[in-house]
């Protein structure tokens, strides 16, 4: 829960090479990976808890997993553990893109 608790992660990205998921799904993935419950995710996104649960169910099916631990491993394998939706960044934060030399 590094991002949620205000801790600075070692590495951070707002872009993913995988275009499999919609922006809303990525928001749900982000909060789910950070350990928030469906109810907490729903409150933050302004949608119903049931909508979050339905989306998570669909995400689990697409990832071919059966529980949150497996889903977190799936996300980690895709480097989603370093992902934060750009819309979640505060206005005065400067995003620096690293250039491989």
PDB file of N, CA and C in Angstrom:
ATOM      1  N   UNK A   1       0.821  -1.191   0.000  1.00  0.00           N
ATOM      2  CA  UNK A   1       0.000   0.000   0.000  1.00  0.00           C
ATOM      3  C   UNK A   1       0.866   1.257   0.000  1.00  0.00           C
ATOM      4  N   UNK A   2       1.984   1.194  -0.676  1.00  0.00           N
ATOM      5  CA  UNK A   2       2.892   2.339  -0.691  1.00  0.00           C
ATOM      6  C   UNK A   2       2.222   3.619  -1.154  1.00  0.00           C
ATOM      7  N   UNK A   3       1.508   3.586  -2.263  1.00  0.00           N
ATOM      8  CA  UNK A   3       0.924   4.806  -2.811  1.00  0.00           C
ATOM      9  C   UNK A   3      -0.196   5.329  -1.925  1.00  0.00           C
ATOM     10  N   UNK A   4      -1.007   4.434  -1.411  1.00  0.00           N
ATOM     11  CA  UNK A   4      -2.166   4.820  -0.614  1.00  0.00           C
ATOM     12  C   UNK A   4      -1.739   5.459   0.700  1.00  0.00           C
ATOM     13  N   UNK A   5      -0.673   4.951   1.314  1.00  0.00           N
ATOM     14  CA  UNK A   5      -0.218   5.455   2.601  1.00  0.00           C
ATOM     15  C   UNK A   5       0.769   6.604   2.487  1.00  0.00           C
ATOM     16  N   UNK A   6       0.950   7.133   1.281  1.00  0.00           N
ATOM     17  CA  UNK A   6       1.799   8.298   1.103  1.00  0.00           C
ATOM     18  C   UNK A   6       3.286   8.017   1.062  1.00  0.00           C
ATOM     19  N   UNK A   7       3.691   6.752   0.995  1.00  0.00           N
ATOM     20  CA  UNK A   7       5.101   6.417   0.892  1.00  0.00           C
ATOM     21  C   UNK A   7       5.525   6.549  -0.563  1.00  0.00           C
ATOM     22  N   UNK A   8       6.752   6.946  -0.770  1.00  0.00           N
ATOM     23  CA  UNK A   8       7.270   7.084  -2.125  1.00  0.00           C
ATOM     24  C   UNK A   8       7.818   5.744  -2.610  1.00  0.00           C
ATOM     25  N   UNK A   9       7.333   5.260  -3.730  1.00  0.00           N
ATOM     26  CA  UNK A   9       7.865   4.009  -4.273  1.00  0.00           C
ATOM     27  C   UNK A   9       9.247   4.248  -4.878  1.00  0.00           C
ATOM     28  N   UNK A  10      10.016   3.197  -5.021  1.00  0.00           N
ATOM     29  CA  UNK A  10      11.342   3.299  -5.605  1.00  0.00           C
ATOM     30  C   UNK A  10      11.238   3.626  -7.088  1.00  0.00           C
ATOM     31  N   UNK A  11      10.264   3.061  -7.747  1.00  0.00           N
ATOM     32  CA  UNK A  11      10.079   3.224  -9.177  1.00  0.00           C
ATOM     33  C   UNK A  11       8.598   3.444  -9.433  1.00  0.00           C
ATOM     34  N   UNK A  12       8.282   4.236 -10.455  1.00  0.00           N
ATOM     35  CA  UNK A  12       6.886   4.568 -10.735  1.00  0.00           C
ATOM     36  C   UNK A  12       6.703   4.787 -12.230  1.00  0.00           C
ATOM     37  N   UNK A  13       5.577   4.339 -12.766  1.00  0.00           N
ATOM     38  CA  UNK A  13       5.273   4.586 -14.170  1.00  0.00           C
ATOM     39  C   UNK A  13       3.791   4.908 -14.322  1.00  0.00           C
ATOM     40  N   UNK A  14       3.492   5.736 -15.297  1.00  0.00           N
ATOM     41  CA  UNK A  14       2.087   6.047 -15.604  1.00  0.00           C
ATOM     42  C   UNK A  14       1.680   5.426 -16.932  1.00  0.00           C
ATOM     43  N   UNK A  15       2.611   4.732 -17.575  1.00  0.00           N
ATOM     44  CA  UNK A  15       2.342   4.129 -18.879  1.00  0.00           C
ATOM     45  C   UNK A  15       2.665   2.642 -18.836  1.00  0.00           C
ATOM     46  N   UNK A  16       1.797   1.858 -19.449  1.00  0.00           N
ATOM     47  CA  UNK A  16       2.016   0.420 -19.536  1.00  0.00           C
ATOM     48  C   UNK A  16       2.085   0.017 -20.998  1.00  0.00           C
ATOM     49  N   UNK A  17       2.926  -0.958 -21.287  1.00  0.00           N
ATOM     50  CA  UNK A  17       3.025  -1.437 -22.668  1.00  0.00           C
ATOM     51  C   UNK A  17       1.856  -2.351 -23.019  1.00  0.00           C
ATOM     52  N   UNK A  18       1.161  -2.844 -22.024  1.00  0.00           N
ATOM     53  CA  UNK A  18       0.025  -3.746 -22.226  1.00  0.00           C
ATOM     54  C   UNK A  18      -1.257  -2.923 -22.334  1.00  0.00           C
ATOM     55  N   UNK A  19      -1.914  -2.975 -23.482  1.00  0.00           N
ATOM     56  CA  UNK A  19      -3.160  -2.226 -23.699  1.00  0.00           C
ATOM     57  C   UNK A  19      -4.393  -3.105 -23.525  1.00  0.00           C
ATOM     58  N   UNK A  20      -4.257  -4.164 -22.755  1.00  0.00           N
ATOM     59  CA  UNK A  20      -5.337  -5.127 -22.556  1.00  0.00           C
ATOM     60  C   UNK A  20      -6.487  -4.562 -21.733  1.00  0.00           C
ATOM     61  N   UNK A  21      -6.184  -3.620 -20.847  1.00  0.00           N
ATOM     62  CA  UNK A  21      -7.170  -3.155 -19.886  1.00  0.00           C
ATOM     63  C   UNK A  21      -7.610  -1.723 -20.171  1.00  0.00           C
ATOM     64  N   UNK A  22      -8.868  -1.434 -19.827  1.00  0.00           N
ATOM     65  CA  UNK A  22      -9.400  -0.083 -19.982  1.00  0.00           C
ATOM     66  C   UNK A  22      -8.852   0.801 -18.861  1.00  0.00           C
ATOM     67  N   UNK A  23      -9.037   2.094 -19.001  1.00  0.00           N
ATOM     68  CA  UNK A  23      -8.586   3.031 -17.969  1.00  0.00           C
ATOM     69  C   UNK A  23      -9.253   2.725 -16.627  1.00  0.00           C
ATOM     70  N   UNK A  24     -10.545   2.451 -16.640  1.00  0.00           N
ATOM     71  CA  UNK A  24     -11.268   2.143 -15.403  1.00  0.00           C
ATOM     72  C   UNK A  24     -10.760   0.833 -14.797  1.00  0.00           C
ATOM     73  N   UNK A  25     -10.508  -0.168 -15.630  1.00  0.00           N
ATOM     74  CA  UNK A  25      -9.968  -1.427 -15.121  1.00  0.00           C
ATOM     75  C   UNK A  25      -8.599  -1.207 -14.490  1.00  0.00           C
ATOM     76  N   UNK A  26      -7.780  -0.363 -15.101  1.00  0.00           N
ATOM     77  CA  UNK A  26      -6.461  -0.072 -14.529  1.00  0.00           C
ATOM     78  C   UNK A  26      -6.574   0.637 -13.186  1.00  0.00           C
ATOM     79  N   UNK A  27      -7.585   1.493 -13.036  1.00  0.00           N
ATOM     80  CA  UNK A  27      -7.816   2.142 -11.738  1.00  0.00           C
ATOM     81  C   UNK A  27      -8.186   1.104 -10.683  1.00  0.00           C
ATOM     82  N   UNK A  28      -9.054   0.186 -11.053  1.00  0.00           N
ATOM     83  CA  UNK A  28      -9.469  -0.874 -10.127  1.00  0.00           C
ATOM     84  C   UNK A  28      -8.293  -1.783  -9.812  1.00  0.00           C
ATOM     85  N   UNK A  29      -7.505  -2.127 -10.827  1.00  0.00           N
ATOM     86  CA  UNK A  29      -6.305  -2.940 -10.610  1.00  0.00           C
ATOM     87  C   UNK A  29      -5.365  -2.233  -9.642  1.00  0.00           C
ATOM     88  N   UNK A  30      -5.146  -0.948  -9.853  1.00  0.00           N
ATOM     89  CA  UNK A  30      -4.257  -0.170  -8.988  1.00  0.00           C
ATOM     90  C   UNK A  30      -4.693  -0.261  -7.529  1.00  0.00           C
ATOM     91  N   UNK A  31      -5.951   0.063  -7.264  1.00  0.00           N
ATOM     92  CA  UNK A  31      -6.432   0.048  -5.885  1.00  0.00           C
ATOM     93  C   UNK A  31      -6.455  -1.357  -5.302  1.00  0.00           C
ATOM     94  N   UNK A  32      -6.828  -2.330  -6.105  1.00  0.00           N
ATOM     95  CA  UNK A  32      -6.851  -3.711  -5.644  1.00  0.00           C
ATOM     96  C   UNK A  32      -5.446  -4.176  -5.292  1.00  0.00           C
ATOM     97  N   UNK A  33      -4.491  -3.846  -6.142  1.00  0.00           N
ATOM     98  CA  UNK A  33      -3.103  -4.228  -5.881  1.00  0.00           C
ATOM     99  C   UNK A  33      -2.578  -3.564  -4.609  1.00  0.00           C
ATOM    100  N   UNK A  34      -3.080  -2.380  -4.315  1.00  0.00           N
ATOM    101  CA  UNK A  34      -2.665  -1.663  -3.109  1.00  0.00           C
ATOM    102  C   UNK A  34      -3.357  -2.195  -1.852  1.00  0.00           C
ATOM    103  N   UNK A  35      -4.279  -3.153  -2.012  1.00  0.00           N
ATOM    104  CA  UNK A  35      -4.892  -3.801  -0.861  1.00  0.00           C
ATOM    105  C   UNK A  35      -6.226  -3.242  -0.414  1.00  0.00           C
ATOM    106  N   UNK A  36      -6.826  -2.359  -1.206  1.00  0.00           N
ATOM    107  CA  UNK A  36      -8.128  -1.808  -0.830  1.00  0.00           C
ATOM    108  C   UNK A  36      -9.235  -2.833  -1.076  1.00  0.00           C
ATOM    109  N   UNK A  37     -10.258  -2.788  -0.260  1.00  0.00           N
ATOM    110  CA  UNK A  37     -11.412  -3.667  -0.432  1.00  0.00           C
ATOM    111  C   UNK A  37     -12.288  -3.142  -1.569  1.00  0.00           C
ATOM    112  N   UNK A  38     -13.206  -3.958  -2.031  1.00  0.00           N
ATOM    113  CA  UNK A  38     -14.136  -3.535  -3.080  1.00  0.00           C
ATOM    114  C   UNK A  38     -14.922  -2.303  -2.646  1.00  0.00           C
ATOM    115  N   UNK A  39     -15.312  -2.276  -1.382  1.00  0.00           N
ATOM    116  CA  UNK A  39     -16.056  -1.133  -0.861  1.00  0.00           C
ATOM    117  C   UNK A  39     -15.210   0.142  -0.901  1.00  0.00           C
ATOM    118  N   UNK A  40     -13.946   0.026  -0.475  1.00  0.00           N
ATOM    119  CA  UNK A  40     -13.051   1.194  -0.484  1.00  0.00           C
ATOM    120  C   UNK A  40     -12.769   1.671  -1.910  1.00  0.00           C
ATOM    121  N   UNK A  41     -12.582   0.736  -2.819  1.00  0.00           N
ATOM    122  CA  UNK A  41     -12.364   1.092  -4.226  1.00  0.00           C
ATOM    123  C   UNK A  41     -13.581   1.817  -4.769  1.00  0.00           C
ATOM    124  N   UNK A  42     -14.758   1.287  -4.479  1.00  0.00           N
ATOM    125  CA  UNK A  42     -16.002   1.890  -4.952  1.00  0.00           C
ATOM    126  C   UNK A  42     -16.141   3.329  -4.461  1.00  0.00           C
ATOM    127  N   UNK A  43     -15.843   3.549  -3.203  1.00  0.00           N
ATOM    128  CA  UNK A  43     -15.936   4.902  -2.636  1.00  0.00           C
ATOM    129  C   UNK A  43     -14.974   5.861  -3.335  1.00  0.00           C
ATOM    130  N   UNK A  44     -13.766   5.414  -3.582  1.00  0.00           N
ATOM    131  CA  UNK A  44     -12.762   6.275  -4.223  1.00  0.00           C
ATOM    132  C   UNK A  44     -13.109   6.585  -5.680  1.00  0.00           C
ATOM    133  N   UNK A  45     -13.738   5.620  -6.364  1.00  0.00           N
ATOM    134  CA  UNK A  45     -14.040   5.807  -7.783  1.00  0.00           C
ATOM    135  C   UNK A  45     -15.461   6.305  -8.040  1.00  0.00           C
ATOM    136  N   UNK A  46     -16.271   6.375  -6.999  1.00  0.00           N
ATOM    137  CA  UNK A  46     -17.639   6.858  -7.159  1.00  0.00           C
ATOM    138  C   UNK A  46     -18.534   5.898  -7.923  1.00  0.00           C
ATOM    139  N   UNK A  47     -18.292   4.597  -7.722  1.00  0.00           N
ATOM    140  CA  UNK A  47     -19.118   3.564  -8.345  1.00  0.00           C
ATOM    141  C   UNK A  47     -19.588   2.607  -7.255  1.00  0.00           C
ATOM    142  N   UNK A  48     -20.464   1.692  -7.592  1.00  0.00           N
ATOM    143  CA  UNK A  48     -20.977   0.779  -6.572  1.00  0.00           C
ATOM    144  C   UNK A  48     -19.980  -0.337  -6.269  1.00  0.00           C
ATOM    145  N   UNK A  49     -20.082  -0.858  -5.076  1.00  0.00           N
ATOM    146  CA  UNK A  49     -19.244  -1.984  -4.654  1.00  0.00           C
ATOM    147  C   UNK A  49     -19.452  -3.171  -5.585  1.00  0.00           C
ATOM    148  N   UNK A  50     -20.697  -3.380  -5.971  1.00  0.00           N
ATOM    149  CA  UNK A  50     -21.028  -4.501  -6.854  1.00  0.00           C
ATOM    150  C   UNK A  50     -20.360  -4.340  -8.222  1.00  0.00           C
ATOM    151  N   UNK A  51     -20.286  -3.118  -8.720  1.00  0.00           N
ATOM    152  CA  UNK A  51     -19.614  -2.866  -9.995  1.00  0.00           C
ATOM    153  C   UNK A  51     -18.139  -3.229  -9.887  1.00  0.00           C
ATOM    154  N   UNK A  52     -17.521  -2.843  -8.783  1.00  0.00           N
ATOM    155  CA  UNK A  52     -16.116  -3.190  -8.560  1.00  0.00           C
ATOM    156  C   UNK A  52     -15.956  -4.705  -8.523  1.00  0.00           C
ATOM    157  N   UNK A  53     -16.816  -5.386  -7.792  1.00  0.00           N
ATOM    158  CA  UNK A  53     -16.725  -6.844  -7.686  1.00  0.00           C
ATOM    159  C   UNK A  53     -16.916  -7.514  -9.041  1.00  0.00           C
ATOM    160  N   UNK A  54     -17.853  -7.004  -9.844  1.00  0.00           N
ATOM    161  CA  UNK A  54     -18.062  -7.559 -11.185  1.00  0.00           C
ATOM    162  C   UNK A  54     -16.837  -7.348 -12.071  1.00  0.00           C
ATOM    163  N   UNK A  55     -16.269  -6.158 -11.989  1.00  0.00           N
ATOM    164  CA  UNK A  55     -15.059  -5.868 -12.784  1.00  0.00           C
ATOM    165  C   UNK A  55     -13.904  -6.762 -12.341  1.00  0.00           C
ATOM    166  N   UNK A  56     -13.737  -6.923 -11.027  1.00  0.00           N
ATOM    167  CA  UNK A  56     -12.666  -7.787 -10.529  1.00  0.00           C
ATOM    168  C   UNK A  56     -12.863  -9.233 -10.971  1.00  0.00           C
ATOM    169  N   UNK A  57     -14.091  -9.687 -10.958  1.00  0.00           N
ATOM    170  CA  UNK A  57     -14.395 -11.051 -11.408  1.00  0.00           C
ATOM    171  C   UNK A  57     -13.967 -11.219 -12.870  1.00  0.00           C
ATOM    172  N   UNK A  58     -14.309 -10.247 -13.697  1.00  0.00           N
ATOM    173  CA  UNK A  58     -13.915 -10.284 -15.101  1.00  0.00           C
ATOM    174  C   UNK A  58     -12.399 -10.227 -15.276  1.00  0.00           C
ATOM    175  N   UNK A  59     -11.746  -9.412 -14.455  1.00  0.00           N
ATOM    176  CA  UNK A  59     -10.286  -9.306 -14.512  1.00  0.00           C
ATOM    177  C   UNK A  59      -9.632 -10.621 -14.097  1.00  0.00           C
ATOM    178  N   UNK A  60     -10.170 -11.256 -13.069  1.00  0.00           N
ATOM    179  CA  UNK A  60      -9.636 -12.551 -12.624  1.00  0.00           C
ATOM    180  C   UNK A  60      -9.761 -13.571 -13.750  1.00  0.00           C
ATOM    181  N   UNK A  61     -10.907 -13.580 -14.429  1.00  0.00           N
ATOM    182  CA  UNK A  61     -11.112 -14.529 -15.524  1.00  0.00           C
ATOM    183  C   UNK A  61     -10.113 -14.282 -16.648  1.00  0.00           C
ATOM    184  N   UNK A  62      -9.927 -13.020 -17.017  1.00  0.00           N
ATOM    185  CA  UNK A  62      -8.991 -12.690 -18.091  1.00  0.00           C
ATOM    186  C   UNK A  62      -7.557 -13.020 -17.710  1.00  0.00           C
ATOM    187  N   UNK A  63      -7.232 -12.892 -16.435  1.00  0.00           N
ATOM    188  CA  UNK A  63      -5.889 -13.197 -15.948  1.00  0.00           C
ATOM    189  C   UNK A  63      -5.723 -14.687 -15.641  1.00  0.00           C
ATOM    190  N   UNK A  64      -6.823 -15.424 -15.696  1.00  0.00           N
ATOM    191  CA  UNK A  64      -6.836 -16.854 -15.391  1.00  0.00           C
ATOM    192  C   UNK A  64      -6.341 -17.128 -13.971  1.00  0.00           C
ATOM    193  N   UNK A  65      -6.877 -16.339 -13.012  1.00  0.00           N
ATOM    194  CA  UNK A  65      -6.553 -16.507 -11.598  1.00  0.00           C
ATOM    195  C   UNK A  65      -7.846 -16.681 -10.805  1.00  0.00           C
ATOM    196  N   UNK A  66      -7.699 -17.093  -9.542  1.00  0.00           N
ATOM    197  CA  UNK A  66      -8.876 -17.395  -8.731  1.00  0.00           C
ATOM    198  C   UNK A  66      -8.957 -16.627  -7.416  1.00  0.00           C
ATOM    199  N   UNK A  67      -7.916 -15.879  -7.071  1.00  0.00           N
ATOM    200  CA  UNK A  67      -7.954 -15.123  -5.817  1.00  0.00           C
ATOM    201  C   UNK A  67      -7.031 -13.910  -5.909  1.00  0.00           C
ATOM    202  N   UNK A  68      -7.086 -13.066  -4.906  1.00  0.00           N
ATOM    203  CA  UNK A  68      -6.336 -11.808  -4.915  1.00  0.00           C
ATOM    204  C   UNK A  68      -4.832 -12.043  -4.918  1.00  0.00           C
ATOM    205  N   UNK A  69      -4.358 -13.069  -4.230  1.00  0.00           N
ATOM    206  CA  UNK A  69      -2.918 -13.347  -4.217  1.00  0.00           C
ATOM    207  C   UNK A  69      -2.424 -13.695  -5.616  1.00  0.00           C
ATOM    208  N   UNK A  70      -3.160 -14.550  -6.303  1.00  0.00           N
ATOM    209  CA  UNK A  70      -2.788 -14.908  -7.673  1.00  0.00           C
ATOM    210  C   UNK A  70      -2.866 -13.681  -8.582  1.00  0.00           C
ATOM    211  N   UNK A  71      -3.873 -12.849  -8.358  1.00  0.00           N
ATOM    212  CA  UNK A  71      -4.028 -11.658  -9.177  1.00  0.00           C
ATOM    213  C   UNK A  71      -2.869 -10.688  -8.938  1.00  0.00           C
ATOM    214  N   UNK A  72      -2.434 -10.544  -7.705  1.00  0.00           N
ATOM    215  CA  UNK A  72      -1.288  -9.677  -7.405  1.00  0.00           C
ATOM    216  C   UNK A  72      -0.025 -10.188  -8.086  1.00  0.00           C
ATOM    217  N   UNK A  73       0.158 -11.510  -8.101  1.00  0.00           N
ATOM    218  CA  UNK A  73       1.310 -12.090  -8.798  1.00  0.00           C
ATOM    219  C   UNK A  73       1.221 -11.809 -10.297  1.00  0.00           C
ATOM    220  N   UNK A  74       0.019 -11.955 -10.852  1.00  0.00           N
ATOM    221  CA  UNK A  74      -0.211 -11.646 -12.262  1.00  0.00           C
ATOM    222  C   UNK A  74       0.167 -10.185 -12.538  1.00  0.00           C
ATOM    223  N   UNK A  75      -0.286  -9.284 -11.694  1.00  0.00           N
ATOM    224  CA  UNK A  75       0.012  -7.856 -11.857  1.00  0.00           C
ATOM    225  C   UNK A  75       1.500  -7.582 -11.729  1.00  0.00           C
ATOM    226  N   UNK A  76       2.135  -8.224 -10.778  1.00  0.00           N
ATOM    227  CA  UNK A  76       3.567  -8.029 -10.575  1.00  0.00           C
ATOM    228  C   UNK A  76       4.348  -8.511 -11.793  1.00  0.00           C
ATOM    229  N   UNK A  77       3.942  -9.625 -12.371  1.00  0.00           N
ATOM    230  CA  UNK A  77       4.611 -10.155 -13.559  1.00  0.00           C
ATOM    231  C   UNK A  77       4.531  -9.186 -14.732  1.00  0.00           C
ATOM    232  N   UNK A  78       3.466  -8.374 -14.773  1.00  0.00           N
ATOM    233  CA  UNK A  78       3.296  -7.380 -15.840  1.00  0.00           C
ATOM    234  C   UNK A  78       3.815  -5.999 -15.436  1.00  0.00           C
ATOM    235  N   UNK A  79       4.501  -5.915 -14.302  1.00  0.00           N
ATOM    236  CA  UNK A  79       5.053  -4.665 -13.758  1.00  0.00           C
ATOM    237  C   UNK A  79       3.971  -3.660 -13.367  1.00  0.00           C
ATOM    238  N   UNK A  80       2.778  -4.130 -13.056  1.00  0.00           N
ATOM    239  CA  UNK A  80       1.714  -3.245 -12.592  1.00  0.00           C
ATOM    240  C   UNK A  80       1.989  -2.745 -11.180  1.00  0.00           C
ATOM    241  N   UNK A  81       2.932  -3.393 -10.478  1.00  0.00           N
ATOM    242  CA  UNK A  81       3.260  -2.958  -9.126  1.00  0.00           C
ATOM    243  C   UNK A  81       3.954  -1.596  -9.133  1.00  0.00           C
ATOM    244  N   UNK A  82       4.413  -1.136 -10.287  1.00  0.00           N
ATOM    245  CA  UNK A  82       5.028   0.188 -10.420  1.00  0.00           C
ATOM    246  C   UNK A  82       4.115   1.185 -11.111  1.00  0.00           C
ATOM    247  N   UNK A  83       2.894   0.770 -11.379  1.00  0.00           N
ATOM    248  CA  UNK A  83       1.959   1.594 -12.152  1.00  0.00           C
ATOM    249  C   UNK A  83       1.070   2.428 -11.246  1.00  0.00           C
ATOM    250  N   UNK A  84       0.849   3.665 -11.655  1.00  0.00           N
ATOM    251  CA  UNK A  84      -0.148   4.521 -11.022  1.00  0.00           C
ATOM    252  C   UNK A  84      -0.874   5.249 -12.149  1.00  0.00           C
ATOM    253  N   UNK A  85      -2.204   5.237 -12.138  1.00  0.00           N
ATOM    254  CA  UNK A  85      -2.934   5.975 -13.177  1.00  0.00           C
ATOM    255  C   UNK A  85      -2.544   7.449 -13.155  1.00  0.00           C
ATOM    256  N   UNK A  86      -2.267   7.998 -14.324  1.00  0.00           N
ATOM    257  CA  UNK A  86      -1.822   9.390 -14.415  1.00  0.00           C
ATOM    258  C   UNK A  86      -2.834  10.347 -13.797  1.00  0.00           C
ATOM    259  N   UNK A  87      -4.108  10.009 -13.899  1.00  0.00           N
ATOM    260  CA  UNK A  87      -5.152  10.875 -13.347  1.00  0.00           C
ATOM    261  C   UNK A  87      -5.104  10.947 -11.818  1.00  0.00           C
ATOM    262  N   UNK A  88      -4.378  10.042 -11.173  1.00  0.00           N
ATOM    263  CA  UNK A  88      -4.273  10.033  -9.719  1.00  0.00           C
ATOM    264  C   UNK A  88      -3.156  10.940  -9.203  1.00  0.00           C
ATOM    265  N   UNK A  89      -2.300  11.395 -10.094  1.00  0.00           N
ATOM    266  CA  UNK A  89      -1.192  12.250  -9.667  1.00  0.00           C
ATOM    267  C   UNK A  89      -1.709  13.634  -9.322  1.00  0.00           C
ATOM    268  N   UNK A  90      -1.123  14.238  -8.326  1.00  0.00           N
ATOM    269  CA  UNK A  90      -1.517  15.581  -7.928  1.00  0.00           C
ATOM    270  C   UNK A  90      -0.921  16.586  -8.904  1.00  0.00           C
ATOM    271  N   UNK A  91      -1.602  17.693  -9.130  1.00  0.00           N
ATOM    272  CA  UNK A  91      -1.195  18.653 -10.154  1.00  0.00           C
ATOM    273  C   UNK A  91       0.253  19.142 -10.105  1.00  0.00           C
ATOM    274  N   UNK A  92       0.852  19.308  -8.964  1.00  0.00           N
ATOM    275  CA  UNK A  92       2.189  19.887  -8.895  1.00  0.00           C
ATOM    276  C   UNK A  92       3.303  18.848  -8.892  1.00  0.00           C
ATOM    277  N   UNK A  93       2.973  17.609  -9.164  1.00  0.00           N
ATOM    278  CA  UNK A  93       3.984  16.565  -9.242  1.00  0.00           C
ATOM    279  C   UNK A  93       4.542  16.546 -10.670  1.00  0.00           C
ATOM    280  N   UNK A  94       5.834  16.515 -10.778  1.00  0.00           N
ATOM    281  CA  UNK A  94       6.480  16.462 -12.085  1.00  0.00           C
ATOM    282  C   UNK A  94       6.858  15.024 -12.372  1.00  0.00           C
ATOM    283  N   UNK A  95       6.428  14.521 -13.518  1.00  0.00           N
ATOM    284  CA  UNK A  95       6.737  13.159 -13.931  1.00  0.00           C
ATOM    285  C   UNK A  95       7.951  13.209 -14.837  1.00  0.00           C
ATOM    286  N   UNK A  96       8.995  12.490 -14.475  1.00  0.00           N
ATOM    287  CA  UNK A  96      10.226  12.463 -15.257  1.00  0.00           C
ATOM    288  C   UNK A  96      10.344  11.094 -15.912  1.00  0.00           C
ATOM    289  N   UNK A  97      10.418  11.099 -17.223  1.00  0.00           N
ATOM    290  CA  UNK A  97      10.584   9.861 -17.975  1.00  0.00           C
ATOM    291  C   UNK A  97      12.066   9.526 -18.033  1.00  0.00           C
ATOM    292  N   UNK A  98      12.443   8.321 -17.634  1.00  0.00           N
ATOM    293  CA  UNK A  98      13.838   7.899 -17.693  1.00  0.00           C
ATOM    294  C   UNK A  98      14.191   7.527 -19.126  1.00  0.00           C
ATOM    295  N   UNK A  99      15.353   7.920 -19.544  1.00  0.00           N
ATOM    296  CA  UNK A  99      15.832   7.592 -20.875  1.00  0.00           C
ATOM    297  C   UNK A  99      16.977   6.605 -20.716  1.00  0.00           C
ATOM    298  N   UNK A 100      16.842   5.463 -21.375  1.00  0.00           N
ATOM    299  CA  UNK A 100      17.906   4.460 -21.311  1.00  0.00           C
ATOM    300  C   UNK A 100      19.086   4.915 -22.139  1.00  0.00           C
ATOM    301  N   UNK A 101      20.241   4.949 -21.536  1.00  0.00           N
ATOM    302  CA  UNK A 101      21.449   5.401 -22.250  1.00  0.00           C
ATOM    303  C   UNK A 101      22.274   4.257 -22.730  1.00  0.00           C
TER     304      UNK A 101
END
